[in-house]
């Protein structure tokens, strides 16, 4: 009985091994010889399609216009006060103003929101009037006109474009025309702002077909971003400064008027010793002193307001300035040709495998 059971087990193992080997030959294994033979049957297709795809890829890459990239990097000051403005902050604090480091004065627009700011319609349309000129020309024009009339496009795109004779349109950011919207989309694609979350370093990349315009726009975008942030962060302080200026001017006018009245009355009544005259003179003198104290206090507030504007003005450190690029950033001709070559090899391969029935065996 033991020998019979062992023989039965050996037979079952052999049958299982034979079945598994047959299944491997039927479906699980790849017959490379059959695949190679199927591909060789359609070698003429490779001879036609592969060179054709290379030629198409070469002409496609050459038809794309060159473009250049310029990058600038900024490190913004963070916090409510300016670095190195301790003396100004102390002066403002001594006059009743708290400058820097307070939560109420915290900046609501942090560097992480700068990309969203630059993507806004107001910011993009503000770049329309930037004056630029191409590397090969001294003609100065608006950036809007340059993007509208001097952009190179592939030859196939010109087959479907219509000539537009309207050259000037009034800009209204609230209601842009179709042409203005298209230019704004181009700017949105060409001007990109990135912020490093860890270091808060702002990087502005500008792409353009002309290297000089790429550098010009990178510098202009940097300057306009700095101006916007500076105006935003100093807006309240500047408004307070203007209000204090007006109050100070008015207080000075009232003080000078009171002083003139007191001086004129005193000169006219030097020899008079009447009590009513003395009482009037004292009233004028008290009014003059009151106006002087008011003017003096507002003058101190004015100095504090100047100090506060200076203290909350942000500081941007330029880590990388705009420079005219000397090498093109694209298109990558070799990569484009390799993609077309891959497609040229893939198409006849799939056709041959389907035609010879080898693709179904692989699936």
Foldseek 3Di string as FASTA:
>chain_A
DVVVVVVVVVVVVVVVVVVVVVVCVQFVDADVVVLVVLLVVVVVLLVPLLVVLLVVLLVVFVLAFFKAKWKWKKQWDAWFWEPPLPVLQVLLVVLPDHGIDDPVLHDPCALQCLQVVCLDLVNLVVQQQDWDDFPVDPDIDGPLQCVVPPARDGPVVVVPDDDDPDRDDDDDSVDDDPSSVVSSVVQNVQWGWDADPVRRMIMIMGMDSGLRVNLSVNQVSVVVSLVVSQCVSLVVLVVVLVVLVVQLVVLVVQLVVLVVVLVVLCVVCVPPDDPVSVVVSVVSVVSNVVSVVSNVSSVSVNSSSVSNSNTRRMDMDIPGHRDRDPDTPDDPSVVSSVVSSVVSVVVSSVVSCVVSVNVVSND
